[in-house]
Every structure is written in C-alpha cells, then in structure tokens.
N, C-alpha and C. Protein backbone atom coordinates (compact mmCIF):
# COMPACT_ATOMS: atom_id res chain seq x y z
N MET A 1 -18.10 -2.90 11.27
CA MET A 1 -17.16 -1.83 10.97
C MET A 1 -16.09 -2.32 9.98
N ARG A 2 -15.68 -3.57 10.17
CA ARG A 2 -14.66 -4.13 9.29
C ARG A 2 -15.17 -4.24 7.86
N THR A 3 -16.44 -4.61 7.72
CA THR A 3 -17.04 -4.74 6.40
C THR A 3 -17.14 -3.37 5.72
N LEU A 4 -17.47 -2.36 6.48
CA LEU A 4 -17.58 -1.01 5.93
C LEU A 4 -16.22 -0.52 5.42
N ILE A 5 -15.19 -0.78 6.18
CA ILE A 5 -13.84 -0.38 5.75
C ILE A 5 -13.43 -1.12 4.48
N ALA A 6 -13.74 -2.42 4.43
CA ALA A 6 -13.43 -3.20 3.23
C ALA A 6 -14.20 -2.68 2.02
N LEU A 7 -15.45 -2.31 2.22
CA LEU A 7 -16.25 -1.78 1.12
C LEU A 7 -15.71 -0.43 0.64
N ILE A 8 -15.32 0.42 1.55
CA ILE A 8 -14.75 1.72 1.18
C ILE A 8 -13.43 1.52 0.43
N LEU A 9 -12.60 0.60 0.90
CA LEU A 9 -11.34 0.33 0.20
C LEU A 9 -11.58 -0.25 -1.19
N TRP A 10 -12.63 -1.08 -1.32
CA TRP A 10 -12.93 -1.65 -2.63
C TRP A 10 -13.40 -0.56 -3.59
N PHE A 11 -14.24 0.37 -3.11
CA PHE A 11 -14.68 1.47 -3.97
C PHE A 11 -13.51 2.37 -4.36
N LEU A 12 -12.57 2.56 -3.45
CA LEU A 12 -11.37 3.32 -3.78
C LEU A 12 -10.57 2.61 -4.86
N LEU A 13 -10.43 1.30 -4.74
CA LEU A 13 -9.75 0.52 -5.76
C LEU A 13 -10.51 0.57 -7.08
N LEU A 14 -11.84 0.56 -7.01
CA LEU A 14 -12.66 0.65 -8.21
C LEU A 14 -12.43 1.98 -8.92
N ALA A 15 -12.28 3.05 -8.16
CA ALA A 15 -12.05 4.36 -8.76
C ALA A 15 -10.66 4.45 -9.38
N VAL A 16 -9.69 3.78 -8.77
CA VAL A 16 -8.32 3.86 -9.26
C VAL A 16 -8.10 2.90 -10.43
N SER A 17 -8.55 1.67 -10.27
CA SER A 17 -8.31 0.65 -11.30
C SER A 17 -9.48 -0.34 -11.30
N TRP A 18 -10.45 -0.11 -12.18
CA TRP A 18 -11.64 -0.95 -12.17
C TRP A 18 -11.38 -2.40 -12.57
N PRO A 19 -10.42 -2.68 -13.49
CA PRO A 19 -10.18 -4.11 -13.78
C PRO A 19 -9.63 -4.87 -12.57
N LEU A 20 -8.77 -4.21 -11.82
CA LEU A 20 -8.22 -4.84 -10.62
C LEU A 20 -9.30 -5.04 -9.56
N ALA A 21 -10.22 -4.09 -9.45
CA ALA A 21 -11.32 -4.23 -8.49
C ALA A 21 -12.23 -5.38 -8.88
N LEU A 22 -12.52 -5.52 -10.16
CA LEU A 22 -13.36 -6.64 -10.60
C LEU A 22 -12.65 -7.97 -10.41
N LEU A 23 -11.35 -7.99 -10.64
CA LEU A 23 -10.57 -9.20 -10.40
C LEU A 23 -10.61 -9.57 -8.91
N ALA A 24 -10.51 -8.57 -8.06
CA ALA A 24 -10.57 -8.82 -6.62
C ALA A 24 -11.92 -9.39 -6.21
N ILE A 25 -12.99 -8.92 -6.84
CA ILE A 25 -14.33 -9.43 -6.53
C ILE A 25 -14.44 -10.91 -6.88
N PHE A 26 -13.81 -11.35 -7.96
CA PHE A 26 -13.89 -12.75 -8.37
C PHE A 26 -12.87 -13.63 -7.65
N VAL A 27 -11.71 -13.08 -7.30
CA VAL A 27 -10.66 -13.89 -6.69
C VAL A 27 -10.91 -14.09 -5.20
N PHE A 28 -11.47 -13.09 -4.52
CA PHE A 28 -11.65 -13.19 -3.07
C PHE A 28 -12.50 -14.39 -2.66
N PRO A 29 -13.65 -14.67 -3.28
CA PRO A 29 -14.42 -15.86 -2.87
C PRO A 29 -13.67 -17.17 -3.14
N LEU A 30 -12.91 -17.23 -4.23
CA LEU A 30 -12.13 -18.43 -4.50
C LEU A 30 -11.04 -18.63 -3.45
N PHE A 31 -10.38 -17.55 -3.08
CA PHE A 31 -9.36 -17.59 -2.04
C PHE A 31 -9.97 -18.02 -0.71
N TRP A 32 -11.17 -17.50 -0.40
CA TRP A 32 -11.87 -17.85 0.83
C TRP A 32 -12.22 -19.34 0.83
N LEU A 33 -12.67 -19.85 -0.31
CA LEU A 33 -13.01 -21.27 -0.40
C LEU A 33 -11.78 -22.16 -0.26
N LEU A 34 -10.65 -21.71 -0.76
CA LEU A 34 -9.41 -22.48 -0.61
C LEU A 34 -8.96 -22.54 0.85
N LEU A 35 -9.16 -21.46 1.59
CA LEU A 35 -8.71 -21.41 2.98
C LEU A 35 -9.72 -21.99 3.97
N LEU A 36 -10.94 -22.22 3.54
CA LEU A 36 -11.99 -22.71 4.44
C LEU A 36 -11.64 -24.04 5.10
N PRO A 37 -11.10 -25.04 4.40
CA PRO A 37 -10.75 -26.29 5.10
C PRO A 37 -9.71 -26.09 6.20
N PHE A 38 -8.78 -25.17 6.00
CA PHE A 38 -7.77 -24.92 7.02
C PHE A 38 -8.38 -24.25 8.24
N ARG A 39 -9.37 -23.39 8.05
CA ARG A 39 -10.05 -22.77 9.18
C ARG A 39 -10.83 -23.81 9.96
N ILE A 40 -11.49 -24.72 9.24
CA ILE A 40 -12.25 -25.79 9.90
C ILE A 40 -11.29 -26.70 10.66
N LEU A 41 -10.16 -27.03 10.06
CA LEU A 41 -9.16 -27.86 10.73
C LEU A 41 -8.63 -27.18 11.99
N GLY A 42 -8.37 -25.89 11.91
CA GLY A 42 -7.90 -25.15 13.08
C GLY A 42 -8.92 -25.14 14.19
N PHE A 43 -10.18 -24.94 13.85
CA PHE A 43 -11.25 -24.95 14.85
C PHE A 43 -11.37 -26.32 15.49
N THR A 44 -11.27 -27.37 14.68
CA THR A 44 -11.39 -28.74 15.19
C THR A 44 -10.22 -29.08 16.11
N LEU A 45 -9.01 -28.75 15.70
CA LEU A 45 -7.85 -29.03 16.54
C LEU A 45 -7.90 -28.26 17.85
N SER A 46 -8.37 -27.03 17.80
CA SER A 46 -8.51 -26.25 19.02
C SER A 46 -9.50 -26.90 19.98
N ALA A 47 -10.61 -27.37 19.45
CA ALA A 47 -11.62 -28.03 20.29
C ALA A 47 -11.08 -29.35 20.85
N VAL A 48 -10.33 -30.10 20.05
CA VAL A 48 -9.77 -31.37 20.53
C VAL A 48 -8.76 -31.13 21.64
N PHE A 49 -7.87 -30.17 21.47
CA PHE A 49 -6.88 -29.89 22.51
C PHE A 49 -7.53 -29.37 23.78
N GLU A 50 -8.58 -28.58 23.64
CA GLU A 50 -9.29 -28.10 24.83
C GLU A 50 -9.97 -29.25 25.55
N ALA A 51 -10.54 -30.18 24.81
CA ALA A 51 -11.18 -31.35 25.42
C ALA A 51 -10.15 -32.23 26.13
N ILE A 52 -9.00 -32.44 25.50
CA ILE A 52 -7.94 -33.23 26.13
C ILE A 52 -7.47 -32.56 27.41
N GLY A 53 -7.30 -31.25 27.37
CA GLY A 53 -6.90 -30.52 28.57
C GLY A 53 -7.94 -30.64 29.68
N ALA A 54 -9.22 -30.58 29.32
CA ALA A 54 -10.28 -30.71 30.32
C ALA A 54 -10.29 -32.12 30.92
N ILE A 55 -10.05 -33.13 30.08
CA ILE A 55 -10.01 -34.51 30.58
C ILE A 55 -8.83 -34.71 31.53
N ILE A 56 -7.69 -34.15 31.18
CA ILE A 56 -6.51 -34.29 32.03
C ILE A 56 -6.69 -33.54 33.35
N MET A 57 -7.31 -32.38 33.32
CA MET A 57 -7.46 -31.57 34.54
C MET A 57 -8.62 -32.01 35.42
N PHE A 58 -9.52 -32.86 34.92
CA PHE A 58 -10.71 -33.25 35.68
C PHE A 58 -10.38 -33.90 37.03
N PRO A 59 -9.45 -34.87 37.10
CA PRO A 59 -9.16 -35.46 38.42
C PRO A 59 -8.62 -34.43 39.42
N PHE A 60 -7.84 -33.49 38.96
CA PHE A 60 -7.29 -32.48 39.86
C PHE A 60 -8.38 -31.55 40.38
N ARG A 61 -9.36 -31.24 39.55
CA ARG A 61 -10.49 -30.42 39.99
C ARG A 61 -11.33 -31.15 41.02
N VAL A 62 -11.51 -32.45 40.81
CA VAL A 62 -12.28 -33.25 41.77
C VAL A 62 -11.54 -33.31 43.10
N LEU A 63 -10.24 -33.55 43.07
CA LEU A 63 -9.45 -33.61 44.31
C LEU A 63 -9.39 -32.26 45.00
N LYS A 64 -9.42 -31.19 44.25
CA LYS A 64 -9.36 -29.85 44.83
C LYS A 64 -10.62 -29.55 45.64
N ARG A 65 -11.76 -30.07 45.21
CA ARG A 65 -13.02 -29.81 45.91
C ARG A 65 -13.18 -30.67 47.15
N ILE A 66 -12.41 -31.73 47.26
CA ILE A 66 -12.54 -32.62 48.43
C ILE A 66 -11.80 -32.04 49.62
C-alpha cells in the first residue's frame, strides 16, 4: 500500500513538474544508498543490545525456574 501511495504521488509530481519528478527518480536511490550504512548500524546495535540484555537476564531466568 505504501508503494502504491508513493507511485501515485510521483505521478502527481510528474504531472505538475516533470523535471522535479525526474530529479526525484535519480536522487532517491542515491539518498537511499547514503542512508543504508546507518540502517545497518542501527540493526546491528539493536541486535547487540538485545543479546547483552538476554545474557544479563539469563541467570535470573534460571533461578526463577528453580
């Protein structure tokens, strides 16, 4: 659904200002590539913090079952 809305908005922009729409087509992938390392870093940090939390909570879970 999100892709459909983006496509409709792009066609609306194309009808209003085609040079701006073409610029958006070329700039969006570059912008996405620039932000990709930050998304990967965020995913990695989230996984690391979740693993640390699981390691810290493990002894308490073991004691809770006893």
